[in-house]
Amino acid sequence: MVPVEVLLPGTLDQALGTLADRPHARPIAGGTDLMVALNRGAERPEAIVDVSRLAELAIWHRNGREFLGAGVTYSRILADTAGDDALPQAARAVGSPQIRNRGTVGGNLGTASPAGDLIPVLAARDADIELVSAVGRRSLPWHEFFIGPKTSAIAPGELIAGASWPTPNGPSTFAKVGPRNAMVISICSVCVQVDEEHQMVRVAMGSVGPVVLRAPQAETFASEAIGEAGAWGDPSRPLGETDAARFGEQVAAAARPIDDVRGTAIYRRHAIRVLAARAFTRTLARRRGR
């Protein structure tokens, strides 16, 4: 077996130069997905470019628009973010503490799995994915970056720099269902995000389609239900008794699930309906608590 060459650039510019010269080399940071593929023989790249030490990819700043660097780990997200936000809730749902210490935002994005736990949060926040190469930088809306199951729009020679989105000004909830209680790949997941400025509710769901999906009709229904209850101006105002259930039904209607080893399409549609209704209820409860 031909050995895989491991390259260790010291700066982002060096890494991009290496990828320009060897565009089919694979970048690696935490390695929580790539090493599994290597160990079982599913992948055999000509070279691996270790980007885990690049400070330029570990940037995380919030100044009206949040930027989360590709090298930020799940453990850092948990340490640096309030616990009632969807982002740390999703990070906490990833694997074991060891995986969270090594796994990175860039790996979750680069794998482009519809089961990726961070992706519904980024989708609900209308995030852009920022890509960088030796010839420049470009940004793609999340729905243009994820183009199919485990398929993204990243080009040879490019690295994921990170994701950016307007800093949320409302509460959010992430939740998922899996076949066990720990270290689980989701059967379905959901993120509900309230946007107070635009008086909108956004929802994204994972593992119920070829890519992470939004549910526009459910978003419109939820936003209007809050408005009709007078709850945009007064969060203490209750919604209709059936509004959460109807929201869950409309989210489920937007799902495109399949049968696989983790669950059937019928179960996924049922689970996402229940999960979305609960996430909506919890998000509104947090809004009232604010």
Protein backbone atom coordinates (compact mmCIF):
# COMPACT_ATOMS: atom_id res chain seq x y z
CA MET A 1 0.00 0.00 0.00
CA VAL A 2 1.36 3.42 -0.97
CA PRO A 3 1.86 5.56 2.16
CA VAL A 4 -0.06 8.81 2.49
CA GLU A 5 2.23 11.83 2.68
CA VAL A 6 1.47 14.21 5.57
CA LEU A 7 2.28 17.89 5.04
CA LEU A 8 2.56 20.40 7.93
CA PRO A 9 2.20 24.03 6.79
CA GLY A 10 2.92 26.65 9.44
CA THR A 11 0.66 29.39 8.07
CA LEU A 12 -2.55 29.68 6.09
CA ASP A 13 -0.63 31.05 3.08
CA GLN A 14 1.65 28.01 3.14
CA ALA A 15 -1.35 25.68 3.35
CA LEU A 16 -3.05 27.41 0.40
CA GLY A 17 0.16 27.26 -1.63
CA THR A 18 0.43 23.55 -0.91
CA LEU A 19 -3.17 22.95 -1.98
CA ALA A 20 -2.62 25.01 -5.13
CA ASP A 21 0.30 22.76 -6.06
CA ARG A 22 -1.49 19.58 -4.97
CA PRO A 23 -5.22 20.29 -5.34
CA HIS A 24 -6.23 16.69 -4.65
CA ALA A 25 -4.56 16.60 -1.24
CA ARG A 26 -7.01 16.44 1.66
CA PRO A 27 -6.95 18.97 4.51
CA ILE A 28 -7.28 17.54 7.99
CA ALA A 29 -7.85 19.17 11.38
CA GLY A 30 -9.57 16.99 13.98
CA GLY A 31 -9.74 14.01 11.64
CA THR A 32 -12.88 12.64 13.25
CA ASP A 33 -14.42 11.84 9.84
CA LEU A 34 -11.41 11.52 7.54
CA MET A 35 -9.46 9.12 9.75
CA VAL A 36 -12.45 6.80 9.93
CA ALA A 37 -12.56 6.72 6.13
CA LEU A 38 -8.81 6.13 5.92
CA ASN A 39 -8.84 3.34 8.48
CA ARG A 40 -11.56 1.42 6.69
CA GLY A 41 -10.00 1.98 3.27
CA ALA A 42 -12.81 4.12 1.89
CA GLU A 43 -10.39 6.93 1.00
CA ARG A 44 -6.72 7.05 0.05
CA PRO A 45 -5.67 10.63 -0.79
CA GLU A 46 -2.25 11.32 -2.30
CA ALA A 47 -1.44 13.59 0.64
CA ILE A 48 -2.93 15.06 3.81
CA VAL A 49 -2.43 18.72 4.71
CA ASP A 50 -2.63 19.23 8.48
CA VAL A 51 -4.36 22.58 9.11
CA SER A 52 -5.05 22.03 12.82
CA ARG A 53 -2.28 24.41 13.92
CA LEU A 54 -3.28 27.36 11.74
CA ALA A 55 -4.24 30.29 13.94
CA GLU A 56 -5.95 32.00 10.98
CA LEU A 57 -8.64 29.29 10.99
CA ALA A 58 -9.33 29.53 14.73
CA ILE A 59 -10.75 33.06 14.58
CA TRP A 60 -14.15 33.66 16.19
CA HIS A 61 -15.52 37.17 16.44
CA ARG A 62 -18.88 38.87 16.97
CA ASN A 63 -19.26 42.48 15.85
CA GLY A 64 -22.78 42.66 14.47
CA ARG A 65 -21.96 39.80 12.13
CA GLU A 66 -20.62 36.63 13.67
CA PHE A 67 -17.72 34.76 12.08
CA LEU A 68 -16.96 31.23 13.26
CA GLY A 69 -13.62 29.97 11.97
CA ALA A 70 -13.22 26.52 10.49
CA GLY A 71 -10.64 25.57 13.09
CA VAL A 72 -12.89 26.28 16.09
CA THR A 73 -13.63 23.09 18.02
CA TYR A 74 -16.96 22.00 19.48
CA SER A 75 -15.46 22.22 22.98
CA ARG A 76 -14.56 25.85 22.42
CA ILE A 77 -18.11 26.60 21.25
CA LEU A 78 -19.39 25.10 24.50
CA ALA A 79 -16.91 27.08 26.60
CA ASP A 80 -17.51 30.43 24.88
CA THR A 81 -21.31 30.52 24.32
CA ALA A 82 -24.32 30.76 26.61
CA GLY A 83 -25.94 27.37 27.13
CA ASP A 84 -29.48 28.38 26.07
CA ASP A 85 -28.42 29.06 22.47
CA ALA A 86 -28.81 26.57 19.61
CA LEU A 87 -25.09 26.68 18.73
CA PRO A 88 -23.78 25.19 21.99
CA GLN A 89 -26.76 22.85 22.12
CA ALA A 90 -25.70 21.46 18.74
CA ALA A 91 -22.03 21.33 19.74
CA ARG A 92 -22.93 19.39 22.88
CA ALA A 93 -24.77 16.83 20.77
CA VAL A 94 -21.59 15.97 18.85
CA GLY A 95 -19.95 12.71 19.90
CA SER A 96 -17.96 12.29 23.10
CA PRO A 97 -15.80 14.85 24.95
CA GLN A 98 -12.78 13.52 23.07
CA ILE A 99 -14.50 14.07 19.73
CA ARG A 100 -15.63 17.55 20.77
CA ASN A 101 -12.04 18.40 21.76
CA ARG A 102 -10.75 17.46 18.30
CA GLY A 103 -13.66 17.98 15.91
CA THR A 104 -13.98 21.34 14.19
CA VAL A 105 -16.53 23.52 12.46
CA GLY A 106 -14.67 23.07 9.17
CA GLY A 107 -14.90 19.32 9.41
CA ASN A 108 -18.67 19.45 9.97
CA LEU A 109 -19.06 21.73 6.95
CA GLY A 110 -16.59 19.89 4.74
CA THR A 111 -18.17 16.48 5.32
CA ALA A 112 -21.46 18.07 4.17
CA SER A 113 -23.55 15.34 5.74
CA PRO A 114 -27.27 16.11 6.14
CA ALA A 115 -26.80 14.67 9.64
CA GLY A 116 -24.15 17.26 10.56
CA ASP A 117 -25.25 18.74 13.88
CA LEU A 118 -24.04 22.32 13.34
CA ILE A 119 -25.50 22.69 9.86
CA PRO A 120 -29.19 23.18 10.83
CA VAL A 121 -28.11 25.99 13.18
CA LEU A 122 -26.17 27.72 10.40
CA ALA A 123 -29.03 27.17 7.95
CA ALA A 124 -31.58 28.66 10.36
CA ARG A 125 -29.31 31.71 10.65
CA ASP A 126 -28.90 32.09 6.87
CA ALA A 127 -25.16 31.65 7.18
CA ASP A 128 -22.63 32.12 4.41
CA ILE A 129 -19.77 29.65 4.03
CA GLU A 130 -16.48 31.40 3.36
CA LEU A 131 -13.88 29.68 1.19
CA VAL A 132 -10.27 30.68 0.63
CA SER A 133 -7.63 29.63 -1.89
CA ALA A 134 -4.31 30.85 -3.24
CA VAL A 135 -6.19 33.01 -5.78
CA GLY A 136 -8.61 34.69 -3.38
CA ARG A 137 -11.65 34.38 -1.17
CA ARG A 138 -15.32 33.74 -1.96
CA SER A 139 -18.51 33.37 0.00
CA LEU A 140 -21.51 31.14 -0.72
CA PRO A 141 -24.94 31.05 0.94
CA TRP A 142 -25.29 27.81 2.89
CA HIS A 143 -27.86 26.41 0.46
CA GLU A 144 -25.47 26.91 -2.47
CA PHE A 145 -22.55 25.36 -0.60
CA PHE A 146 -24.36 22.11 0.30
CA ILE A 147 -25.38 20.62 -3.03
CA GLY A 148 -26.06 16.96 -2.19
CA PRO A 149 -25.50 14.18 0.34
CA LYS A 150 -21.89 14.63 1.53
CA THR A 151 -21.29 16.88 -1.49
CA SER A 152 -20.38 20.54 -1.38
CA ALA A 153 -19.38 23.30 -3.77
CA ILE A 154 -15.81 23.48 -2.47
CA ALA A 155 -13.34 23.45 -5.37
CA PRO A 156 -9.92 21.77 -5.59
CA GLY A 157 -7.32 23.94 -3.88
CA GLU A 158 -9.87 25.61 -1.56
CA LEU A 159 -10.13 25.55 2.21
CA ILE A 160 -13.15 26.37 4.32
CA ALA A 161 -12.28 29.54 6.23
CA GLY A 162 -15.44 29.48 8.32
CA ALA A 163 -19.08 30.53 8.41
CA SER A 164 -20.60 33.96 9.01
CA TRP A 165 -24.10 35.23 9.77
CA PRO A 166 -25.85 38.24 11.30
CA THR A 167 -25.61 38.03 15.08
CA PRO A 168 -28.96 36.59 16.25
CA ASN A 169 -31.20 38.95 18.18
CA GLY A 170 -33.65 36.31 19.36
CA PRO A 171 -33.66 32.94 21.14
CA SER A 172 -33.04 29.61 19.44
CA THR A 173 -33.27 25.90 20.17
CA PHE A 174 -31.51 22.87 18.68
CA ALA A 175 -32.74 19.33 19.29
CA LYS A 176 -32.18 15.93 17.75
CA VAL A 177 -33.34 12.33 17.94
CA GLY A 178 -31.00 9.38 17.67
CA PRO A 179 -30.95 5.63 18.28
CA ARG A 180 -29.28 6.08 21.70
CA ASN A 181 -28.56 8.79 24.25
CA ALA A 182 -24.88 9.51 23.60
CA MET A 183 -22.43 9.77 20.70
CA VAL A 184 -25.24 9.37 18.19
CA ILE A 185 -25.64 10.25 14.53
CA SER A 186 -29.04 11.88 14.29
CA ILE A 187 -32.15 10.26 12.92
CA CYS A 188 -33.48 13.80 12.64
CA SER A 189 -32.57 17.19 14.03
CA VAL A 190 -34.08 20.66 14.06
CA CYS A 191 -33.13 24.25 14.84
CA VAL A 192 -35.71 26.97 15.52
CA GLN A 193 -34.42 30.55 15.44
CA VAL A 194 -36.46 33.66 16.31
CA ASP A 195 -35.49 36.88 14.52
CA GLU A 196 -36.87 39.74 16.61
CA GLU A 197 -35.72 42.49 14.26
CA HIS A 198 -37.58 41.14 11.23
CA GLN A 199 -40.34 39.44 13.28
CA MET A 200 -39.61 36.09 11.70
CA VAL A 201 -39.22 32.49 12.80
CA ARG A 202 -36.76 30.33 10.86
CA VAL A 203 -36.48 26.56 11.06
CA ALA A 204 -33.99 24.12 9.56
CA MET A 205 -33.93 20.34 9.82
CA GLY A 206 -31.26 17.71 9.35
CA SER A 207 -31.26 14.01 8.42
CA VAL A 208 -34.66 14.23 6.73
CA GLY A 209 -33.47 15.01 3.20
CA PRO A 210 -30.44 14.84 0.92
CA VAL A 211 -29.24 18.11 2.46
CA VAL A 212 -30.31 20.19 5.45
CA LEU A 213 -33.71 21.70 4.62
CA ARG A 214 -35.69 24.79 5.55
CA ALA A 215 -39.49 24.78 5.90
CA PRO A 216 -40.75 28.10 4.44
CA GLN A 217 -44.46 27.47 4.99
CA ALA A 218 -43.85 26.55 8.62
CA GLU A 219 -41.75 29.69 9.05
CA THR A 220 -44.52 31.88 7.64
CA PHE A 221 -47.14 30.17 9.80
CA ALA A 222 -45.11 30.60 13.00
CA SER A 223 -44.28 34.23 12.29
CA GLU A 224 -47.93 35.06 11.59
CA ALA A 225 -49.16 33.10 14.62
CA ILE A 226 -46.91 35.16 16.90
CA GLY A 227 -48.15 38.33 15.22
CA GLU A 228 -51.83 37.39 15.50
CA ALA A 229 -51.36 36.69 19.20
CA GLY A 230 -49.75 40.12 19.68
CA ALA A 231 -46.64 38.35 20.95
CA TRP A 232 -44.09 40.18 18.83
CA GLY A 233 -44.65 43.24 20.98
CA ASP A 234 -45.42 41.32 24.17
CA PRO A 235 -43.64 37.93 24.43
CA SER A 236 -45.83 36.97 27.40
CA ARG A 237 -48.91 36.73 25.19
CA PRO A 238 -49.82 33.04 24.63
CA LEU A 239 -50.25 31.55 21.18
CA GLY A 240 -53.17 29.35 20.17
CA GLU A 241 -53.36 25.94 21.81
CA THR A 242 -52.75 24.11 18.54
CA ASP A 243 -50.16 26.44 17.02
CA ALA A 244 -47.11 24.42 18.10
CA ALA A 245 -48.65 21.20 16.78
CA ARG A 246 -49.57 22.85 13.47
CA PHE A 247 -46.04 24.21 13.19
CA GLY A 248 -44.66 20.69 13.67
CA GLU A 249 -46.99 19.35 10.99
CA GLN A 250 -45.85 21.94 8.47
CA VAL A 251 -42.18 21.26 9.25
CA ALA A 252 -42.81 17.54 8.71
CA ALA A 253 -44.55 18.27 5.41
CA ALA A 254 -41.35 19.91 4.14
CA ALA A 255 -39.20 16.89 5.05
CA ARG A 256 -37.93 14.48 2.37
CA PRO A 257 -36.84 11.49 4.45
CA ILE A 258 -35.61 8.08 3.33
CA ASP A 259 -35.26 4.67 4.97
CA ASP A 260 -31.76 3.81 6.15
CA VAL A 261 -30.01 1.86 8.91
CA ARG A 262 -30.86 4.50 11.53
CA GLY A 263 -34.59 4.84 10.86
CA THR A 264 -37.46 4.61 8.41
CA ALA A 265 -38.86 7.51 6.45
CA ILE A 266 -42.18 7.14 8.28
CA TYR A 267 -40.50 7.35 11.67
CA ARG A 268 -38.33 10.30 10.61
CA ARG A 269 -41.38 12.27 9.48
CA HIS A 270 -43.16 11.53 12.76
CA ALA A 271 -40.08 12.38 14.84
CA ILE A 272 -39.37 15.67 13.08
CA ARG A 273 -43.01 16.71 13.58
CA VAL A 274 -42.81 16.12 17.33
CA LEU A 275 -39.28 17.53 17.63
CA ALA A 276 -40.15 20.74 15.75
CA ALA A 277 -43.25 21.37 17.87
CA ARG A 278 -41.23 20.92 21.06
CA ALA A 279 -38.36 23.10 19.83
CA PHE A 280 -40.85 25.85 18.88
CA THR A 281 -42.47 25.67 22.32
CA ARG A 282 -39.10 25.79 24.11
CA THR A 283 -37.90 28.71 22.00
CA LEU A 284 -41.02 30.73 22.81
CA ALA A 285 -40.60 29.88 26.50
CA ARG A 286 -37.03 31.21 26.39
CA ARG A 287 -38.33 34.32 24.64
CA ARG A 288 -40.84 34.89 27.44
CA GLY A 289 -38.08 34.33 30.00
CA ARG A 290 -36.00 37.08 28.45
